[in-house]
Amino acid sequence: MFRLHRSILRPSALQTRTMPAPAMRDLARRLLDYEAVAGESSVPTEFAALRVYENLRLHLCTLAGVAGFQSLASRGLTLAKSEAPELSVVQIAADGRLQGLEHLEPQTEKGREDEAGVVLIAQLLGLLFTFIGGALTVRLLQNVWPDAAVEESRIANGRDA
């Protein structure tokens, strides 16, 4: 399983962090852009954020189990909702899948659903960074997206995440 850092055992460590760090936002935006381009070859029936989320879910459920991922995703969604209230229609199912993301587009202005997706993915990445560290987070992302440019130096060395 994952090795927890002592800093996350303090109650305030996760409670005070609501906005994702710039490094996590940048990484989330790059993963969404990568998935958006990858999705152009077929009919794009889902948001790039959903594809990124599903890739993370499939890999993390293998490592942490469904309950572990569902817990992480629920916390990430709760944090994301404070910054992107339009995510209030989204829920995490018992198996960790996102429900309600398809209702986001009609309720938001053009492009805003992308920003909500960035916020959600950035929060998930930030939690991963907190729980397993930068190096393991980057290694996981490189396994999930081997062709994407995910560089350890961009997030692992900067403790702004």
C-alpha atoms as a PDB file:
ATOM      1  CA  MET A   1       0.000   0.000   0.000  1.00  0.00           C
ATOM      2  CA  PHE A   2       0.913   3.635   0.107  1.00  0.00           C
ATOM      3  CA  ARG A   3       3.273   5.034   2.665  1.00  0.00           C
ATOM      4  CA  LEU A   4       1.832   8.103   4.357  1.00  0.00           C
ATOM      5  CA  HIS A   5       3.880  11.178   5.098  1.00  0.00           C
ATOM      6  CA  ARG A   6       3.732  12.424   8.685  1.00  0.00           C
ATOM      7  CA  SER A   7       2.554  15.861   7.589  1.00  0.00           C
ATOM      8  CA  ILE A   8      -0.771  14.468   6.406  1.00  0.00           C
ATOM      9  CA  LEU A   9      -1.500  12.984   9.784  1.00  0.00           C
ATOM     10  CA  ARG A  10      -2.046  16.476  11.179  1.00  0.00           C
ATOM     11  CA  PRO A  11      -5.751  17.363  10.937  1.00  0.00           C
ATOM     12  CA  SER A  12      -5.054  20.740   9.337  1.00  0.00           C
ATOM     13  CA  ALA A  13      -2.862  19.395   6.530  1.00  0.00           C
ATOM     14  CA  LEU A  14      -5.771  18.458   4.256  1.00  0.00           C
ATOM     15  CA  GLN A  15      -8.357  20.849   5.648  1.00  0.00           C
ATOM     16  CA  THR A  16      -6.476  24.023   4.796  1.00  0.00           C
ATOM     17  CA  ARG A  17      -5.628  22.987   1.236  1.00  0.00           C
ATOM     18  CA  THR A  18      -8.571  23.755  -0.982  1.00  0.00           C
ATOM     19  CA  MET A  19      -7.132  25.341  -4.094  1.00  0.00           C
ATOM     20  CA  PRO A  20      -4.857  23.097  -6.135  1.00  0.00           C
ATOM     21  CA  ALA A  21      -1.285  24.291  -6.423  1.00  0.00           C
ATOM     22  CA  PRO A  22      -0.216  25.835  -9.738  1.00  0.00           C
ATOM     23  CA  ALA A  23       1.970  22.811 -10.526  1.00  0.00           C
ATOM     24  CA  MET A  24      -1.006  20.457 -10.116  1.00  0.00           C
ATOM     25  CA  ARG A  25      -3.243  22.721 -12.224  1.00  0.00           C
ATOM     26  CA  ASP A  26      -0.630  22.812 -14.954  1.00  0.00           C
ATOM     27  CA  LEU A  27      -0.224  19.048 -14.889  1.00  0.00           C
ATOM     28  CA  ALA A  28      -4.001  18.518 -14.912  1.00  0.00           C
ATOM     29  CA  ARG A  29      -4.393  20.908 -17.856  1.00  0.00           C
ATOM     30  CA  ARG A  30      -1.651  19.068 -19.799  1.00  0.00           C
ATOM     31  CA  LEU A  31      -3.276  15.665 -19.145  1.00  0.00           C
ATOM     32  CA  LEU A  32      -6.669  16.987 -20.252  1.00  0.00           C
ATOM     33  CA  ASP A  33      -5.129  18.507 -23.375  1.00  0.00           C
ATOM     34  CA  TYR A  34      -3.403  15.214 -24.106  1.00  0.00           C
ATOM     35  CA  GLU A  35      -6.670  13.282 -23.731  1.00  0.00           C
ATOM     36  CA  ALA A  36      -8.575  15.852 -25.794  1.00  0.00           C
ATOM     37  CA  VAL A  37      -6.159  15.327 -28.688  1.00  0.00           C
ATOM     38  CA  ALA A  38      -6.221  11.554 -28.229  1.00  0.00           C
ATOM     39  CA  GLY A  39     -10.033  11.637 -28.255  1.00  0.00           C
ATOM     40  CA  GLU A  40     -10.197  13.510 -31.558  1.00  0.00           C
ATOM     41  CA  SER A  41      -9.519  10.342 -33.535  1.00  0.00           C
ATOM     42  CA  SER A  42     -12.911   8.998 -32.535  1.00  0.00           C
ATOM     43  CA  VAL A  43     -16.205  10.668 -31.804  1.00  0.00           C
ATOM     44  CA  PRO A  44     -15.664  12.571 -28.546  1.00  0.00           C
ATOM     45  CA  THR A  45     -18.569  11.379 -26.430  1.00  0.00           C
ATOM     46  CA  GLU A  46     -17.121  12.380 -23.103  1.00  0.00           C
ATOM     47  CA  PHE A  47     -15.098  15.165 -21.598  1.00  0.00           C
ATOM     48  CA  ALA A  48     -11.338  14.852 -21.551  1.00  0.00           C
ATOM     49  CA  ALA A  49     -11.593  15.184 -17.758  1.00  0.00           C
ATOM     50  CA  LEU A  50     -13.685  12.036 -17.633  1.00  0.00           C
ATOM     51  CA  ARG A  51     -11.129  10.131 -19.714  1.00  0.00           C
ATOM     52  CA  VAL A  52      -8.290  11.312 -17.451  1.00  0.00           C
ATOM     53  CA  TYR A  53     -10.328  10.433 -14.369  1.00  0.00           C
ATOM     54  CA  GLU A  54     -11.177   6.953 -15.704  1.00  0.00           C
ATOM     55  CA  ASN A  55      -7.543   6.223 -16.544  1.00  0.00           C
ATOM     56  CA  LEU A  56      -6.540   7.240 -13.026  1.00  0.00           C
ATOM     57  CA  ARG A  57      -9.401   5.231 -11.525  1.00  0.00           C
ATOM     58  CA  LEU A  58      -8.486   2.043 -13.354  1.00  0.00           C
ATOM     59  CA  HIS A  59      -4.828   2.227 -12.347  1.00  0.00           C
ATOM     60  CA  LEU A  60      -5.366   3.397  -8.782  1.00  0.00           C
ATOM     61  CA  CYS A  61      -8.067   0.817  -8.055  1.00  0.00           C
ATOM     62  CA  THR A  62      -5.491  -1.816  -8.905  1.00  0.00           C
ATOM     63  CA  LEU A  63      -3.018  -0.300  -6.433  1.00  0.00           C
ATOM     64  CA  ALA A  64      -5.239   0.975  -3.634  1.00  0.00           C
ATOM     65  CA  GLY A  65      -8.421  -1.004  -4.136  1.00  0.00           C
ATOM     66  CA  VAL A  66     -11.840   0.328  -5.029  1.00  0.00           C
ATOM     67  CA  ALA A  67     -12.554   1.600  -1.517  1.00  0.00           C
ATOM     68  CA  GLY A  68      -9.197   3.388  -1.349  1.00  0.00           C
ATOM     69  CA  PHE A  69      -9.732   5.097  -4.672  1.00  0.00           C
ATOM     70  CA  GLN A  70     -13.354   5.944  -3.873  1.00  0.00           C
ATOM     71  CA  SER A  71     -12.216   7.621  -0.673  1.00  0.00           C
ATOM     72  CA  LEU A  72      -9.500   9.600  -2.478  1.00  0.00           C
ATOM     73  CA  ALA A  73     -11.892  10.607  -5.268  1.00  0.00           C
ATOM     74  CA  SER A  74     -14.587  11.681  -2.812  1.00  0.00           C
ATOM     75  CA  ARG A  75     -12.137  13.917  -0.980  1.00  0.00           C
ATOM     76  CA  GLY A  76     -10.844  15.343  -4.256  1.00  0.00           C
ATOM     77  CA  LEU A  77     -14.374  16.080  -5.468  1.00  0.00           C
ATOM     78  CA  THR A  78     -15.285  17.747  -2.179  1.00  0.00           C
ATOM     79  CA  LEU A  79     -12.234  20.002  -2.444  1.00  0.00           C
ATOM     80  CA  ALA A  80     -12.952  20.721  -6.121  1.00  0.00           C
ATOM     81  CA  LYS A  81     -16.587  21.678  -5.421  1.00  0.00           C
ATOM     82  CA  SER A  82     -15.431  24.558  -3.217  1.00  0.00           C
ATOM     83  CA  GLU A  83     -13.621  26.092  -6.200  1.00  0.00           C
ATOM     84  CA  ALA A  84     -15.962  24.931  -8.974  1.00  0.00           C
ATOM     85  CA  PRO A  85     -19.524  24.906  -7.578  1.00  0.00           C
ATOM     86  CA  GLU A  86     -20.876  23.581 -10.881  1.00  0.00           C
ATOM     87  CA  LEU A  87     -19.395  20.235  -9.821  1.00  0.00           C
ATOM     88  CA  SER A  88     -22.229  19.960  -7.277  1.00  0.00           C
ATOM     89  CA  VAL A  89     -24.095  17.797  -9.845  1.00  0.00           C
ATOM     90  CA  VAL A  90     -21.209  15.294  -9.828  1.00  0.00           C
ATOM     91  CA  GLN A  91     -21.012  12.356  -7.436  1.00  0.00           C
ATOM     92  CA  ILE A  92     -18.644   9.453  -6.869  1.00  0.00           C
ATOM     93  CA  ALA A  93     -20.286   6.028  -7.175  1.00  0.00           C
ATOM     94  CA  ALA A  94     -19.426   3.138  -4.876  1.00  0.00           C
ATOM     95  CA  ASP A  95     -17.097   1.742  -7.546  1.00  0.00           C
ATOM     96  CA  GLY A  96     -15.312   5.102  -7.857  1.00  0.00           C
ATOM     97  CA  ARG A  97     -16.870   6.126 -11.176  1.00  0.00           C
ATOM     98  CA  LEU A  98     -17.947   9.730 -11.731  1.00  0.00           C
ATOM     99  CA  GLN A  99     -21.672  10.271 -12.092  1.00  0.00           C
ATOM    100  CA  GLY A 100     -23.310  13.444 -13.341  1.00  0.00           C
ATOM    101  CA  LEU A 101     -20.414  14.957 -15.265  1.00  0.00           C
ATOM    102  CA  GLU A 102     -22.495  14.795 -18.441  1.00  0.00           C
ATOM    103  CA  HIS A 103     -24.891  17.324 -16.854  1.00  0.00           C
ATOM    104  CA  LEU A 104     -22.114  19.881 -16.500  1.00  0.00           C
ATOM    105  CA  GLU A 105     -22.002  21.235 -20.045  1.00  0.00           C
ATOM    106  CA  PRO A 106     -25.554  22.590 -20.393  1.00  0.00           C
ATOM    107  CA  GLN A 107     -25.321  24.389 -17.059  1.00  0.00           C
ATOM    108  CA  THR A 108     -22.062  26.155 -17.726  1.00  0.00           C
ATOM    109  CA  GLU A 109     -20.688  28.619 -20.205  1.00  0.00           C
ATOM    110  CA  LYS A 110     -18.496  27.331 -23.013  1.00  0.00           C
ATOM    111  CA  GLY A 111     -15.102  26.269 -21.686  1.00  0.00           C
ATOM    112  CA  ARG A 112     -16.158  26.382 -18.044  1.00  0.00           C
ATOM    113  CA  GLU A 113     -16.716  22.608 -17.967  1.00  0.00           C
ATOM    114  CA  ASP A 114     -13.069  22.228 -18.972  1.00  0.00           C
ATOM    115  CA  GLU A 115     -11.995  24.423 -16.053  1.00  0.00           C
ATOM    116  CA  ALA A 116     -14.110  22.379 -13.642  1.00  0.00           C
ATOM    117  CA  GLY A 117     -12.416  19.251 -14.994  1.00  0.00           C
ATOM    118  CA  VAL A 118      -8.995  20.821 -14.464  1.00  0.00           C
ATOM    119  CA  VAL A 119      -9.898  21.658 -10.875  1.00  0.00           C
ATOM    120  CA  LEU A 120     -11.133  18.121 -10.183  1.00  0.00           C
ATOM    121  CA  ILE A 121      -8.107  16.404 -11.720  1.00  0.00           C
ATOM    122  CA  ALA A 122      -5.714  18.878 -10.048  1.00  0.00           C
ATOM    123  CA  GLN A 123      -7.252  18.096  -6.655  1.00  0.00           C
ATOM    124  CA  LEU A 124      -6.868  14.350  -7.259  1.00  0.00           C
ATOM    125  CA  LEU A 125      -3.253  14.811  -8.332  1.00  0.00           C
ATOM    126  CA  GLY A 126      -2.595  17.032  -5.322  1.00  0.00           C
ATOM    127  CA  LEU A 127      -3.961  14.375  -2.981  1.00  0.00           C
ATOM    128  CA  LEU A 128      -1.844  11.720  -4.682  1.00  0.00           C
ATOM    129  CA  PHE A 129       1.192  13.950  -4.308  1.00  0.00           C
ATOM    130  CA  THR A 130       0.405  14.403  -0.618  1.00  0.00           C
ATOM    131  CA  PHE A 131      -0.169  10.722   0.086  1.00  0.00           C
ATOM    132  CA  ILE A 132       2.469   8.985  -2.015  1.00  0.00           C
ATOM    133  CA  GLY A 133       4.899  11.790  -2.858  1.00  0.00           C
ATOM    134  CA  GLY A 134       5.956  13.453  -6.073  1.00  0.00           C
ATOM    135  CA  ALA A 135       8.243  10.768  -7.437  1.00  0.00           C
ATOM    136  CA  LEU A 136       5.652   7.982  -7.133  1.00  0.00           C
ATOM    137  CA  THR A 137       2.895  10.236  -8.485  1.00  0.00           C
ATOM    138  CA  VAL A 138       4.978  11.038 -11.546  1.00  0.00           C
ATOM    139  CA  ARG A 139       5.909   7.383 -12.019  1.00  0.00           C
ATOM    140  CA  LEU A 140       2.237   6.420 -11.867  1.00  0.00           C
ATOM    141  CA  LEU A 141       1.307   9.109 -14.407  1.00  0.00           C
ATOM    142  CA  GLN A 142       4.115   8.006 -16.706  1.00  0.00           C
ATOM    143  CA  ASN A 143       2.759   4.447 -16.554  1.00  0.00           C
ATOM    144  CA  VAL A 144      -0.763   5.620 -17.364  1.00  0.00           C
ATOM    145  CA  TRP A 145       0.292   8.090 -20.086  1.00  0.00           C
ATOM    146  CA  PRO A 146       3.664   6.892 -21.402  1.00  0.00           C
ATOM    147  CA  ASP A 147       3.525   9.224 -24.412  1.00  0.00           C
ATOM    148  CA  ALA A 148       2.574  12.334 -22.443  1.00  0.00           C
ATOM    149  CA  ALA A 149       5.287  14.655 -21.216  1.00  0.00           C
ATOM    150  CA  VAL A 150       5.073  14.137 -17.469  1.00  0.00           C
ATOM    151  CA  GLU A 151       8.333  15.288 -15.947  1.00  0.00           C
ATOM    152  CA  GLU A 152       9.302  14.604 -12.390  1.00  0.00           C
ATOM    153  CA  SER A 153      11.190  17.868 -12.020  1.00  0.00           C
ATOM    154  CA  ARG A 154       8.031  19.899 -12.629  1.00  0.00           C
ATOM    155  CA  ILE A 155       6.158  18.623  -9.602  1.00  0.00           C
ATOM    156  CA  ALA A 156       8.333  16.342  -7.488  1.00  0.00           C
ATOM    157  CA  ASN A 157      10.884  18.967  -6.544  1.00  0.00           C
ATOM    158  CA  GLY A 158       8.486  21.859  -6.038  1.00  0.00           C
ATOM    159  CA  ARG A 159       6.718  21.510  -2.711  1.00  0.00           C
ATOM    160  CA  ASP A 160       4.129  24.027  -3.881  1.00  0.00           C
ATOM    161  CA  ALA A 161       1.811  21.088  -4.475  1.00  0.00           C
END
